[in-house]
N, C-alpha and C. Protein backbone atom coordinates (compact mmCIF):
# COMPACT_ATOMS: atom_id res chain seq x y z
N MET A 1 -14.33 -16.86 -11.30
CA MET A 1 -13.12 -16.07 -11.09
C MET A 1 -11.93 -17.00 -10.92
N SER A 2 -10.86 -16.73 -11.63
CA SER A 2 -9.67 -17.56 -11.55
C SER A 2 -8.91 -17.31 -10.24
N ILE A 3 -8.39 -18.39 -9.65
CA ILE A 3 -7.66 -18.29 -8.39
C ILE A 3 -6.35 -19.06 -8.52
N PHE A 4 -5.47 -18.87 -7.54
CA PHE A 4 -4.21 -19.59 -7.54
C PHE A 4 -4.41 -20.98 -6.93
N GLU A 5 -3.78 -21.98 -7.56
CA GLU A 5 -3.98 -23.35 -7.09
C GLU A 5 -3.09 -23.69 -5.90
N ARG A 6 -2.05 -22.88 -5.67
CA ARG A 6 -1.19 -23.08 -4.49
C ARG A 6 -0.85 -21.72 -3.89
N PRO A 7 -0.52 -21.66 -2.61
CA PRO A 7 -0.22 -20.37 -1.96
C PRO A 7 0.98 -19.66 -2.58
N ILE A 8 0.92 -18.34 -2.56
CA ILE A 8 2.03 -17.48 -2.95
C ILE A 8 2.23 -16.45 -1.84
N VAL A 9 3.47 -16.22 -1.43
CA VAL A 9 3.77 -15.20 -0.42
C VAL A 9 4.33 -13.96 -1.11
N MET A 10 3.60 -12.86 -0.99
CA MET A 10 4.06 -11.58 -1.53
C MET A 10 4.92 -10.88 -0.49
N LEU A 11 6.13 -10.50 -0.88
CA LEU A 11 7.12 -9.94 0.05
C LEU A 11 7.45 -8.51 -0.34
N ASP A 12 7.63 -7.67 0.67
CA ASP A 12 8.17 -6.33 0.42
C ASP A 12 9.06 -5.93 1.58
N PHE A 13 10.25 -5.44 1.25
CA PHE A 13 11.18 -4.89 2.23
C PHE A 13 11.31 -3.39 2.04
N GLU A 14 11.46 -2.67 3.14
CA GLU A 14 12.06 -1.34 3.12
C GLU A 14 13.48 -1.52 3.62
N THR A 15 14.41 -0.78 3.05
CA THR A 15 15.83 -1.00 3.33
C THR A 15 16.56 0.34 3.51
N THR A 16 17.81 0.23 3.94
CA THR A 16 18.64 1.44 4.11
C THR A 16 19.28 1.87 2.80
N GLY A 17 19.18 1.05 1.78
CA GLY A 17 19.80 1.37 0.49
C GLY A 17 19.51 0.27 -0.51
N LEU A 18 20.30 0.22 -1.57
CA LEU A 18 19.98 -0.65 -2.70
C LEU A 18 20.72 -1.99 -2.71
N SER A 19 21.78 -2.13 -1.90
CA SER A 19 22.62 -3.31 -2.05
C SER A 19 23.05 -3.90 -0.71
N PRO A 20 22.67 -5.15 -0.43
CA PRO A 20 23.20 -5.79 0.79
C PRO A 20 24.70 -6.00 0.72
N ASP A 21 25.25 -6.11 -0.49
CA ASP A 21 26.71 -6.27 -0.63
C ASP A 21 27.45 -5.03 -0.18
N ALA A 22 26.76 -3.86 -0.22
CA ALA A 22 27.37 -2.61 0.23
C ALA A 22 27.07 -2.32 1.70
N GLY A 23 26.47 -3.30 2.38
CA GLY A 23 26.18 -3.13 3.80
C GLY A 23 24.78 -2.64 4.11
N ASP A 24 23.93 -2.49 3.09
CA ASP A 24 22.56 -2.05 3.33
C ASP A 24 21.76 -3.16 3.99
N ARG A 25 20.80 -2.77 4.83
CA ARG A 25 20.03 -3.72 5.64
C ARG A 25 18.54 -3.43 5.51
N ILE A 26 17.74 -4.38 5.95
CA ILE A 26 16.29 -4.20 5.92
C ILE A 26 15.84 -3.43 7.16
N THR A 27 14.85 -2.56 6.98
CA THR A 27 14.30 -1.77 8.09
C THR A 27 12.84 -2.14 8.38
N GLU A 28 12.17 -2.76 7.41
CA GLU A 28 10.78 -3.16 7.59
C GLU A 28 10.46 -4.28 6.61
N VAL A 29 9.60 -5.20 7.04
CA VAL A 29 9.22 -6.32 6.18
C VAL A 29 7.71 -6.53 6.26
N ALA A 30 7.13 -6.90 5.13
CA ALA A 30 5.75 -7.37 5.09
C ALA A 30 5.70 -8.58 4.16
N ALA A 31 5.12 -9.66 4.65
CA ALA A 31 4.92 -10.87 3.85
C ALA A 31 3.45 -11.26 3.96
N LEU A 32 2.78 -11.35 2.82
CA LEU A 32 1.35 -11.64 2.78
C LEU A 32 1.12 -12.93 2.01
N ARG A 33 0.46 -13.89 2.65
CA ARG A 33 0.21 -15.18 1.99
C ARG A 33 -1.13 -15.11 1.25
N ILE A 34 -1.05 -15.31 -0.07
CA ILE A 34 -2.23 -15.36 -0.92
C ILE A 34 -2.64 -16.82 -1.05
N VAL A 35 -3.87 -17.13 -0.65
CA VAL A 35 -4.39 -18.49 -0.76
C VAL A 35 -5.66 -18.44 -1.60
N GLY A 36 -5.67 -19.18 -2.69
CA GLY A 36 -6.82 -19.13 -3.58
C GLY A 36 -6.93 -17.78 -4.25
N GLY A 37 -7.90 -17.00 -3.82
CA GLY A 37 -8.11 -15.69 -4.43
C GLY A 37 -8.07 -14.54 -3.46
N GLU A 38 -7.42 -14.74 -2.29
CA GLU A 38 -7.40 -13.65 -1.31
C GLU A 38 -6.18 -13.77 -0.41
N ILE A 39 -5.89 -12.65 0.27
CA ILE A 39 -4.82 -12.62 1.28
C ILE A 39 -5.37 -13.25 2.56
N ARG A 40 -4.71 -14.29 3.03
CA ARG A 40 -5.22 -15.02 4.20
C ARG A 40 -4.39 -14.82 5.46
N ASP A 41 -3.12 -14.49 5.31
CA ASP A 41 -2.24 -14.41 6.47
C ASP A 41 -1.13 -13.41 6.18
N ARG A 42 -0.56 -12.84 7.22
CA ARG A 42 0.50 -11.85 7.01
C ARG A 42 1.49 -11.84 8.15
N TYR A 43 2.72 -11.45 7.81
CA TYR A 43 3.77 -11.20 8.81
C TYR A 43 4.34 -9.82 8.50
N VAL A 44 4.26 -8.90 9.48
CA VAL A 44 4.69 -7.51 9.28
C VAL A 44 5.49 -7.07 10.50
N SER A 45 6.64 -6.44 10.26
CA SER A 45 7.44 -5.96 11.38
C SER A 45 8.44 -4.91 10.92
N LEU A 46 8.67 -3.91 11.77
CA LEU A 46 9.86 -3.08 11.65
C LEU A 46 11.05 -3.92 12.09
N VAL A 47 12.25 -3.48 11.74
CA VAL A 47 13.44 -4.29 12.00
C VAL A 47 14.55 -3.40 12.60
N ASN A 48 15.07 -3.83 13.74
CA ASN A 48 16.26 -3.18 14.29
C ASN A 48 17.47 -3.83 13.63
N CYS A 49 17.98 -3.16 12.59
CA CYS A 49 19.05 -3.75 11.79
C CYS A 49 20.44 -3.38 12.28
N GLY A 50 20.52 -2.53 13.31
CA GLY A 50 21.81 -2.22 13.91
C GLY A 50 22.66 -1.24 13.13
N VAL A 51 22.06 -0.54 12.16
CA VAL A 51 22.79 0.48 11.41
C VAL A 51 21.98 1.77 11.39
N ARG A 52 22.65 2.85 11.02
CA ARG A 52 21.98 4.14 10.97
C ARG A 52 21.09 4.23 9.73
N ILE A 53 19.95 4.87 9.90
CA ILE A 53 19.02 5.07 8.79
C ILE A 53 19.39 6.38 8.09
N PRO A 54 19.75 6.35 6.81
CA PRO A 54 20.06 7.60 6.11
C PRO A 54 18.85 8.53 6.10
N SER A 55 19.13 9.82 6.16
CA SER A 55 18.04 10.80 6.23
C SER A 55 17.14 10.73 5.00
N PHE A 56 17.70 10.44 3.84
CA PHE A 56 16.86 10.40 2.64
C PHE A 56 15.92 9.20 2.67
N ILE A 57 16.32 8.12 3.37
CA ILE A 57 15.43 6.97 3.53
C ILE A 57 14.27 7.34 4.45
N THR A 58 14.57 8.06 5.51
CA THR A 58 13.50 8.52 6.41
C THR A 58 12.53 9.44 5.66
N GLN A 59 13.06 10.32 4.82
CA GLN A 59 12.20 11.21 4.04
C GLN A 59 11.33 10.42 3.06
N LEU A 60 11.88 9.35 2.48
CA LEU A 60 11.15 8.55 1.50
C LEU A 60 10.09 7.67 2.15
N THR A 61 10.47 7.00 3.24
CA THR A 61 9.61 5.98 3.82
C THR A 61 8.86 6.43 5.08
N GLY A 62 9.40 7.44 5.75
CA GLY A 62 8.85 7.82 7.05
C GLY A 62 9.37 6.97 8.20
N ILE A 63 10.28 6.04 7.89
CA ILE A 63 10.84 5.17 8.94
C ILE A 63 12.05 5.87 9.56
N SER A 64 11.95 6.17 10.85
CA SER A 64 12.99 6.94 11.53
C SER A 64 13.92 6.02 12.32
N GLN A 65 15.02 6.61 12.78
CA GLN A 65 15.97 5.85 13.61
C GLN A 65 15.30 5.37 14.89
N ASP A 66 14.50 6.21 15.51
CA ASP A 66 13.82 5.81 16.75
C ASP A 66 12.91 4.61 16.52
N MET A 67 12.25 4.57 15.36
CA MET A 67 11.33 3.47 15.06
C MET A 67 12.07 2.14 14.97
N VAL A 68 13.21 2.13 14.31
CA VAL A 68 13.93 0.86 14.18
C VAL A 68 14.70 0.51 15.45
N ASP A 69 15.16 1.51 16.19
CA ASP A 69 15.88 1.23 17.43
C ASP A 69 15.00 0.49 18.44
N SER A 70 13.70 0.75 18.40
CA SER A 70 12.78 0.10 19.35
C SER A 70 12.10 -1.13 18.75
N ALA A 71 12.50 -1.52 17.53
CA ALA A 71 11.90 -2.67 16.85
C ALA A 71 12.61 -3.97 17.26
N PRO A 72 12.02 -5.12 16.95
CA PRO A 72 12.69 -6.40 17.23
C PRO A 72 14.00 -6.53 16.44
N PRO A 73 14.98 -7.24 16.96
CA PRO A 73 16.26 -7.38 16.26
C PRO A 73 16.11 -8.16 14.96
N SER A 74 17.01 -7.86 14.03
CA SER A 74 16.90 -8.46 12.70
C SER A 74 16.96 -9.98 12.74
N GLN A 75 17.81 -10.55 13.60
CA GLN A 75 17.92 -12.01 13.61
C GLN A 75 16.60 -12.67 13.98
N ARG A 76 15.84 -12.05 14.89
CA ARG A 76 14.53 -12.61 15.26
C ARG A 76 13.53 -12.44 14.12
N VAL A 77 13.49 -11.23 13.53
CA VAL A 77 12.53 -10.97 12.46
C VAL A 77 12.80 -11.87 11.26
N VAL A 78 14.06 -12.00 10.88
CA VAL A 78 14.40 -12.81 9.70
C VAL A 78 14.06 -14.28 9.93
N ALA A 79 14.34 -14.78 11.12
CA ALA A 79 14.01 -16.18 11.43
C ALA A 79 12.50 -16.40 11.35
N GLU A 80 11.73 -15.47 11.92
CA GLU A 80 10.27 -15.58 11.87
C GLU A 80 9.76 -15.45 10.44
N LEU A 81 10.37 -14.58 9.66
CA LEU A 81 9.97 -14.39 8.27
C LEU A 81 10.22 -15.66 7.46
N LEU A 82 11.40 -16.26 7.61
CA LEU A 82 11.72 -17.48 6.87
C LEU A 82 10.78 -18.62 7.27
N ASP A 83 10.43 -18.67 8.55
CA ASP A 83 9.45 -19.66 9.00
C ASP A 83 8.09 -19.41 8.34
N PHE A 84 7.72 -18.15 8.24
CA PHE A 84 6.43 -17.78 7.65
C PHE A 84 6.38 -18.17 6.17
N ILE A 85 7.43 -17.86 5.44
CA ILE A 85 7.47 -18.17 4.00
C ILE A 85 7.50 -19.67 3.77
N GLY A 86 8.30 -20.38 4.55
CA GLY A 86 8.41 -21.82 4.40
C GLY A 86 8.84 -22.19 3.00
N GLY A 87 8.14 -23.16 2.41
CA GLY A 87 8.47 -23.63 1.07
C GLY A 87 7.53 -23.13 0.00
N ASP A 88 6.75 -22.09 0.31
CA ASP A 88 5.81 -21.55 -0.67
C ASP A 88 6.53 -20.78 -1.78
N MET A 89 5.81 -20.54 -2.85
CA MET A 89 6.30 -19.65 -3.90
C MET A 89 6.39 -18.23 -3.33
N LEU A 90 7.45 -17.52 -3.71
CA LEU A 90 7.66 -16.14 -3.27
C LEU A 90 7.41 -15.19 -4.42
N ALA A 91 6.84 -14.03 -4.12
CA ALA A 91 6.62 -13.01 -5.14
C ALA A 91 6.97 -11.65 -4.57
N ALA A 92 7.32 -10.72 -5.46
CA ALA A 92 7.58 -9.33 -5.07
C ALA A 92 7.54 -8.48 -6.33
N HIS A 93 7.35 -7.18 -6.14
CA HIS A 93 7.40 -6.25 -7.27
C HIS A 93 8.85 -5.81 -7.41
N ASN A 94 9.46 -6.13 -8.57
CA ASN A 94 10.92 -6.05 -8.74
C ASN A 94 11.56 -7.07 -7.81
N ALA A 95 11.22 -8.34 -8.05
CA ALA A 95 11.48 -9.42 -7.09
C ALA A 95 12.96 -9.67 -6.82
N SER A 96 13.82 -9.45 -7.81
CA SER A 96 15.24 -9.73 -7.59
C SER A 96 15.80 -8.86 -6.45
N PHE A 97 15.27 -7.66 -6.29
CA PHE A 97 15.71 -6.77 -5.22
C PHE A 97 15.40 -7.37 -3.85
N ASP A 98 14.14 -7.78 -3.66
CA ASP A 98 13.75 -8.30 -2.36
C ASP A 98 14.39 -9.66 -2.09
N GLU A 99 14.52 -10.48 -3.12
CA GLU A 99 15.12 -11.80 -2.90
C GLU A 99 16.58 -11.68 -2.49
N LYS A 100 17.32 -10.75 -3.07
CA LYS A 100 18.74 -10.64 -2.70
C LYS A 100 18.89 -10.19 -1.26
N PHE A 101 17.98 -9.33 -0.78
CA PHE A 101 18.03 -8.95 0.63
C PHE A 101 17.61 -10.12 1.53
N LEU A 102 16.61 -10.88 1.11
CA LEU A 102 16.18 -12.03 1.90
C LEU A 102 17.32 -13.04 2.04
N LYS A 103 18.01 -13.33 0.94
CA LYS A 103 19.12 -14.27 0.99
C LYS A 103 20.26 -13.75 1.85
N ALA A 104 20.55 -12.45 1.72
CA ALA A 104 21.64 -11.87 2.50
C ALA A 104 21.33 -11.89 3.99
N GLU A 105 20.09 -11.55 4.34
CA GLU A 105 19.71 -11.55 5.76
C GLU A 105 19.65 -12.98 6.30
N GLY A 106 19.20 -13.92 5.47
CA GLY A 106 19.21 -15.32 5.89
C GLY A 106 20.63 -15.81 6.13
N TRP A 107 21.55 -15.43 5.25
CA TRP A 107 22.95 -15.82 5.39
C TRP A 107 23.53 -15.30 6.70
N ARG A 108 23.15 -14.11 7.10
CA ARG A 108 23.67 -13.52 8.34
C ARG A 108 23.33 -14.36 9.56
N ILE A 109 22.18 -15.03 9.53
CA ILE A 109 21.78 -15.84 10.70
C ILE A 109 21.95 -17.34 10.43
N GLY A 110 22.60 -17.67 9.33
CA GLY A 110 22.86 -19.07 9.02
C GLY A 110 21.63 -19.84 8.59
N ARG A 111 20.67 -19.15 7.96
CA ARG A 111 19.44 -19.79 7.51
C ARG A 111 19.29 -19.65 5.99
N PRO A 112 19.29 -20.75 5.24
CA PRO A 112 19.02 -20.64 3.81
C PRO A 112 17.55 -20.36 3.56
N THR A 113 17.25 -19.74 2.43
CA THR A 113 15.86 -19.51 2.05
C THR A 113 15.26 -20.82 1.56
N GLY A 114 13.94 -20.99 1.77
CA GLY A 114 13.31 -22.24 1.42
C GLY A 114 12.21 -22.13 0.37
N HIS A 115 11.99 -20.92 -0.16
CA HIS A 115 10.88 -20.76 -1.12
C HIS A 115 11.15 -21.57 -2.38
N CYS A 116 10.06 -22.03 -3.01
CA CYS A 116 10.20 -22.98 -4.12
C CYS A 116 10.34 -22.30 -5.48
N GLY A 117 10.24 -20.99 -5.53
CA GLY A 117 10.37 -20.26 -6.78
C GLY A 117 10.10 -18.79 -6.55
N LEU A 118 10.27 -17.98 -7.60
CA LEU A 118 10.16 -16.53 -7.47
C LEU A 118 9.35 -15.96 -8.63
N VAL A 119 8.33 -15.17 -8.29
CA VAL A 119 7.51 -14.47 -9.28
C VAL A 119 7.74 -12.97 -9.13
N CYS A 120 8.01 -12.31 -10.23
CA CYS A 120 8.16 -10.85 -10.21
C CYS A 120 6.89 -10.22 -10.78
N SER A 121 6.12 -9.53 -9.94
CA SER A 121 4.88 -8.92 -10.42
C SER A 121 5.15 -7.78 -11.39
N LEU A 122 6.34 -7.16 -11.30
CA LEU A 122 6.70 -6.11 -12.25
C LEU A 122 6.88 -6.71 -13.65
N LYS A 123 7.68 -7.77 -13.77
CA LYS A 123 7.86 -8.43 -15.06
C LYS A 123 6.55 -9.01 -15.57
N LEU A 124 5.77 -9.58 -14.67
CA LEU A 124 4.49 -10.17 -15.06
C LEU A 124 3.57 -9.12 -15.67
N ALA A 125 3.50 -7.95 -15.03
CA ALA A 125 2.65 -6.88 -15.54
C ALA A 125 3.11 -6.41 -16.92
N ARG A 126 4.40 -6.33 -17.12
CA ARG A 126 4.92 -5.91 -18.43
C ARG A 126 4.50 -6.88 -19.53
N ARG A 127 4.38 -8.16 -19.18
CA ARG A 127 4.04 -9.16 -20.18
C ARG A 127 2.54 -9.32 -20.38
N LEU A 128 1.77 -9.17 -19.31
CA LEU A 128 0.31 -9.34 -19.43
C LEU A 128 -0.42 -8.06 -19.78
N TYR A 129 0.18 -6.91 -19.46
CA TYR A 129 -0.45 -5.62 -19.75
C TYR A 129 0.52 -4.75 -20.55
N PRO A 130 0.87 -5.17 -21.76
CA PRO A 130 1.87 -4.41 -22.53
C PRO A 130 1.36 -3.03 -22.92
N GLY A 131 2.31 -2.11 -23.06
CA GLY A 131 1.97 -0.79 -23.57
C GLY A 131 1.60 0.25 -22.53
N LEU A 132 1.64 -0.10 -21.24
CA LEU A 132 1.34 0.89 -20.21
C LEU A 132 2.51 1.88 -20.12
N PRO A 133 2.22 3.13 -19.76
CA PRO A 133 3.29 4.12 -19.70
C PRO A 133 4.28 3.89 -18.57
N SER A 134 3.86 3.20 -17.50
CA SER A 134 4.75 2.98 -16.36
C SER A 134 4.32 1.72 -15.63
N TYR A 135 5.32 0.98 -15.12
CA TYR A 135 5.03 -0.22 -14.33
C TYR A 135 5.50 -0.06 -12.89
N LYS A 136 5.81 1.18 -12.50
CA LYS A 136 6.05 1.45 -11.09
C LYS A 136 4.76 1.13 -10.33
N LEU A 137 4.91 0.67 -9.10
CA LEU A 137 3.78 0.11 -8.38
C LEU A 137 2.60 1.07 -8.27
N GLY A 138 2.88 2.33 -7.91
CA GLY A 138 1.80 3.29 -7.78
C GLY A 138 1.09 3.56 -9.10
N ASN A 139 1.86 3.75 -10.17
CA ASN A 139 1.27 4.01 -11.48
C ASN A 139 0.52 2.80 -12.02
N LEU A 140 1.11 1.62 -11.85
CA LEU A 140 0.48 0.39 -12.34
C LEU A 140 -0.84 0.13 -11.62
N SER A 141 -0.82 0.23 -10.30
CA SER A 141 -2.04 -0.04 -9.54
C SER A 141 -3.15 0.93 -9.93
N SER A 142 -2.80 2.18 -10.18
CA SER A 142 -3.80 3.16 -10.60
C SER A 142 -4.41 2.78 -11.95
N ARG A 143 -3.58 2.34 -12.89
CA ARG A 143 -4.07 1.94 -14.22
C ARG A 143 -4.97 0.71 -14.14
N LEU A 144 -4.69 -0.17 -13.16
CA LEU A 144 -5.49 -1.39 -13.02
C LEU A 144 -6.70 -1.20 -12.11
N GLY A 145 -6.87 0.00 -11.58
CA GLY A 145 -8.01 0.28 -10.72
C GLY A 145 -7.86 -0.25 -9.31
N ILE A 146 -6.62 -0.42 -8.88
CA ILE A 146 -6.33 -0.92 -7.53
C ILE A 146 -6.04 0.28 -6.62
N VAL A 147 -6.73 0.34 -5.50
CA VAL A 147 -6.61 1.48 -4.59
C VAL A 147 -5.47 1.25 -3.59
N PHE A 148 -4.59 2.23 -3.46
CA PHE A 148 -3.53 2.22 -2.44
C PHE A 148 -4.18 2.61 -1.12
N ARG A 149 -4.31 1.65 -0.19
CA ARG A 149 -5.02 1.92 1.06
C ARG A 149 -4.10 2.39 2.18
N GLY A 150 -2.80 2.28 2.01
CA GLY A 150 -1.86 2.70 3.04
C GLY A 150 -0.93 3.76 2.50
N THR A 151 0.27 3.81 3.08
CA THR A 151 1.27 4.79 2.68
C THR A 151 2.29 4.13 1.77
N ALA A 152 2.49 4.72 0.60
CA ALA A 152 3.50 4.18 -0.33
C ALA A 152 4.88 4.21 0.33
N HIS A 153 5.70 3.25 -0.04
CA HIS A 153 7.05 3.08 0.50
C HIS A 153 7.04 2.67 1.97
N ARG A 154 5.91 2.06 2.40
CA ARG A 154 5.89 1.30 3.63
C ARG A 154 5.59 -0.14 3.25
N ALA A 155 6.22 -1.07 3.93
CA ALA A 155 6.23 -2.45 3.46
C ALA A 155 4.84 -3.07 3.34
N GLU A 156 3.99 -2.89 4.34
CA GLU A 156 2.69 -3.55 4.30
C GLU A 156 1.81 -2.99 3.19
N ALA A 157 1.80 -1.68 3.04
CA ALA A 157 0.99 -1.07 1.99
C ALA A 157 1.47 -1.50 0.61
N ASP A 158 2.78 -1.49 0.39
CA ASP A 158 3.32 -1.89 -0.91
C ASP A 158 3.05 -3.38 -1.17
N ALA A 159 3.19 -4.21 -0.14
CA ALA A 159 2.93 -5.64 -0.32
C ALA A 159 1.46 -5.90 -0.63
N GLU A 160 0.56 -5.17 0.00
CA GLU A 160 -0.87 -5.36 -0.27
C GLU A 160 -1.21 -5.00 -1.71
N VAL A 161 -0.68 -3.88 -2.18
CA VAL A 161 -0.96 -3.47 -3.56
C VAL A 161 -0.33 -4.46 -4.54
N SER A 162 0.88 -4.91 -4.25
CA SER A 162 1.54 -5.90 -5.11
C SER A 162 0.74 -7.20 -5.15
N ALA A 163 0.20 -7.61 -3.99
CA ALA A 163 -0.64 -8.81 -3.95
C ALA A 163 -1.89 -8.63 -4.80
N GLU A 164 -2.48 -7.43 -4.76
CA GLU A 164 -3.67 -7.17 -5.58
C GLU A 164 -3.33 -7.18 -7.07
N VAL A 165 -2.12 -6.73 -7.42
CA VAL A 165 -1.67 -6.83 -8.82
C VAL A 165 -1.59 -8.30 -9.24
N LEU A 166 -1.05 -9.15 -8.36
CA LEU A 166 -0.95 -10.57 -8.67
C LEU A 166 -2.34 -11.20 -8.81
N LEU A 167 -3.26 -10.84 -7.95
CA LEU A 167 -4.62 -11.37 -8.04
C LEU A 167 -5.32 -10.85 -9.29
N HIS A 168 -5.05 -9.61 -9.66
CA HIS A 168 -5.59 -9.06 -10.91
C HIS A 168 -5.08 -9.88 -12.09
N ALA A 169 -3.81 -10.25 -12.05
CA ALA A 169 -3.22 -11.06 -13.12
C ALA A 169 -3.90 -12.42 -13.22
N ALA A 170 -4.20 -13.03 -12.07
CA ALA A 170 -4.90 -14.32 -12.08
C ALA A 170 -6.28 -14.19 -12.71
N ARG A 171 -7.00 -13.14 -12.34
CA ARG A 171 -8.33 -12.92 -12.94
C ARG A 171 -8.23 -12.65 -14.43
N HIS A 172 -7.19 -11.90 -14.82
CA HIS A 172 -6.96 -11.61 -16.24
C HIS A 172 -6.72 -12.90 -17.02
N LEU A 173 -5.91 -13.78 -16.46
CA LEU A 173 -5.64 -15.05 -17.13
C LEU A 173 -6.91 -15.91 -17.20
N GLY A 174 -7.72 -15.83 -16.17
CA GLY A 174 -8.98 -16.57 -16.20
C GLY A 174 -9.92 -16.05 -17.26
N THR A 175 -10.06 -14.74 -17.35
CA THR A 175 -10.96 -14.13 -18.33
C THR A 175 -10.47 -14.31 -19.75
N SER A 176 -9.17 -14.11 -19.95
CA SER A 176 -8.61 -14.13 -21.30
C SER A 176 -8.36 -15.54 -21.84
N HIS A 177 -8.08 -16.50 -20.93
CA HIS A 177 -7.66 -17.82 -21.40
C HIS A 177 -8.43 -18.97 -20.75
N GLY A 178 -9.46 -18.65 -19.98
CA GLY A 178 -10.30 -19.69 -19.43
C GLY A 178 -9.65 -20.55 -18.37
N LEU A 179 -8.63 -20.03 -17.69
CA LEU A 179 -7.95 -20.81 -16.66
C LEU A 179 -8.72 -20.68 -15.34
N GLN A 180 -9.25 -21.80 -14.86
CA GLN A 180 -10.01 -21.76 -13.62
C GLN A 180 -9.09 -21.63 -12.41
N GLN A 181 -7.92 -22.24 -12.51
CA GLN A 181 -6.90 -22.11 -11.48
C GLN A 181 -5.57 -21.77 -12.16
N VAL A 182 -4.80 -20.91 -11.50
CA VAL A 182 -3.52 -20.48 -12.05
C VAL A 182 -2.41 -21.07 -11.20
N ALA A 183 -1.56 -21.86 -11.82
CA ALA A 183 -0.41 -22.43 -11.11
C ALA A 183 0.66 -21.36 -10.94
N PRO A 184 1.20 -21.20 -9.73
CA PRO A 184 2.30 -20.24 -9.56
C PRO A 184 3.44 -20.47 -10.54
N ASP A 185 3.69 -21.75 -10.90
CA ASP A 185 4.76 -22.04 -11.85
C ASP A 185 4.49 -21.40 -13.22
N LEU A 186 3.21 -21.24 -13.57
CA LEU A 186 2.88 -20.58 -14.83
C LEU A 186 3.38 -19.13 -14.82
N LEU A 187 3.22 -18.45 -13.68
CA LEU A 187 3.68 -17.07 -13.59
C LEU A 187 5.20 -17.00 -13.73
N VAL A 188 5.91 -17.97 -13.15
CA VAL A 188 7.36 -18.03 -13.29
C VAL A 188 7.73 -18.18 -14.76
N SER A 189 7.02 -19.05 -15.47
CA SER A 189 7.29 -19.26 -16.89
C SER A 189 7.04 -18.00 -17.70
N ILE A 190 5.95 -17.30 -17.40
CA ILE A 190 5.66 -16.05 -18.11
C ILE A 190 6.75 -15.02 -17.86
N ASN A 191 7.23 -14.95 -16.62
CA ASN A 191 8.32 -14.02 -16.28
C ASN A 191 9.54 -14.22 -17.16
N LYS A 192 9.80 -15.47 -17.53
CA LYS A 192 11.03 -15.80 -18.25
C LYS A 192 10.92 -15.58 -19.76
N LEU A 193 9.71 -15.35 -20.25
CA LEU A 193 9.51 -15.20 -21.69
C LEU A 193 9.69 -13.76 -22.15
N ALA A 194 10.10 -13.59 -23.39
CA ALA A 194 10.03 -12.27 -24.01
C ALA A 194 8.57 -11.92 -24.19
N ALA A 195 8.24 -10.64 -24.03
CA ALA A 195 6.85 -10.21 -24.07
C ALA A 195 6.14 -10.64 -25.35
N ALA A 196 6.85 -10.61 -26.47
CA ALA A 196 6.22 -10.95 -27.76
C ALA A 196 5.80 -12.41 -27.84
N LYS A 197 6.43 -13.28 -27.04
CA LYS A 197 6.13 -14.70 -27.09
C LYS A 197 5.01 -15.12 -26.14
N VAL A 198 4.59 -14.22 -25.27
CA VAL A 198 3.63 -14.58 -24.23
C VAL A 198 2.26 -14.97 -24.80
N PRO A 199 1.67 -14.22 -25.75
CA PRO A 199 0.32 -14.59 -26.25
C PRO A 199 0.26 -16.01 -26.81
N VAL A 200 1.22 -16.39 -27.65
CA VAL A 200 1.22 -17.73 -28.22
C VAL A 200 1.43 -18.78 -27.14
N PHE A 201 2.34 -18.52 -26.22
CA PHE A 201 2.59 -19.44 -25.11
C PHE A 201 1.31 -19.68 -24.31
N LEU A 202 0.58 -18.62 -23.99
CA LEU A 202 -0.63 -18.76 -23.19
C LEU A 202 -1.73 -19.48 -23.95
N GLU A 203 -1.83 -19.26 -25.25
CA GLU A 203 -2.82 -19.98 -26.06
C GLU A 203 -2.55 -21.48 -26.01
N LYS A 204 -1.29 -21.88 -26.18
CA LYS A 204 -0.94 -23.30 -26.13
C LYS A 204 -1.17 -23.87 -24.74
N TYR A 205 -0.79 -23.11 -23.71
CA TYR A 205 -0.96 -23.56 -22.34
C TYR A 205 -2.44 -23.77 -22.03
N ALA A 206 -3.29 -22.80 -22.41
CA ALA A 206 -4.72 -22.91 -22.14
C ALA A 206 -5.34 -24.08 -22.89
N SER A 207 -4.87 -24.32 -24.12
CA SER A 207 -5.38 -25.45 -24.90
C SER A 207 -5.06 -26.78 -24.22
N LEU A 208 -3.83 -26.91 -23.72
CA LEU A 208 -3.45 -28.13 -23.00
C LEU A 208 -4.25 -28.30 -21.72
N GLU A 209 -4.53 -27.20 -21.04
CA GLU A 209 -5.32 -27.29 -19.81
C GLU A 209 -6.74 -27.74 -20.11
N ARG A 210 -7.32 -27.27 -21.22
CA ARG A 210 -8.67 -27.70 -21.60
C ARG A 210 -8.67 -29.20 -21.92
N GLU A 211 -7.63 -29.66 -22.60
CA GLU A 211 -7.54 -31.08 -22.91
C GLU A 211 -7.42 -31.91 -21.65
N ARG A 212 -6.66 -31.42 -20.68
CA ARG A 212 -6.52 -32.16 -19.42
C ARG A 212 -7.85 -32.24 -18.68
N ARG A 213 -8.59 -31.12 -18.67
CA ARG A 213 -9.89 -31.12 -17.98
C ARG A 213 -10.86 -32.09 -18.65
N LEU A 214 -10.87 -32.12 -19.97
CA LEU A 214 -11.76 -33.02 -20.69
C LEU A 214 -11.40 -34.48 -20.44
N ALA A 215 -10.10 -34.74 -20.40
CA ALA A 215 -9.65 -36.12 -20.15
C ALA A 215 -10.00 -36.58 -18.75
N ALA A 216 -10.00 -35.63 -17.80
CA ALA A 216 -10.29 -35.98 -16.40
C ALA A 216 -11.78 -36.05 -16.12
N ALA A 217 -12.60 -35.50 -17.01
CA ALA A 217 -14.05 -35.45 -16.78
C ALA A 217 -14.70 -36.84 -16.91
């Protein structure tokens, strides 16, 4: 079974809206560290972000004003989250969304982000599993046979399913291309390619990896 050669932290935020530039804030965070072929560590917390939770967000996520009012303050949660991520590769489903909130919240407390790169499991799925009718997390996980064990639109449940999508991708690369270990940087490269170019890119990459293994043997 193919595994990741370096840790990846899968991140998911629940937020008050779509844009930190418009004043939206995080209400819940889950960060799960994938080591090898499994989730080994996690950081999960509700967040007292100091703003009102719109009613439609409560209806979508189940996160109420009372829940965040009694949660740890955002400056503490964000500092602990950045410490947890450290310099590892970061991943998320629709990763640009979560990264922009992470950077904005880090800026608020004077802490730059330290992750070494960003993997989008949504883009990755589009390239490795072309032709699916939907790449929304719930629909994608169902097509891949991944069970949603928690409540959708809660950070920990969404992060767990997203992590399982990433692990499924590693196994897929192992089965399809003989990769015993998957470098997180490879996923970043796949993210940046047009879908049509991915098969040829992976064939060349796998061929070079076989040559390296033979040379090292």
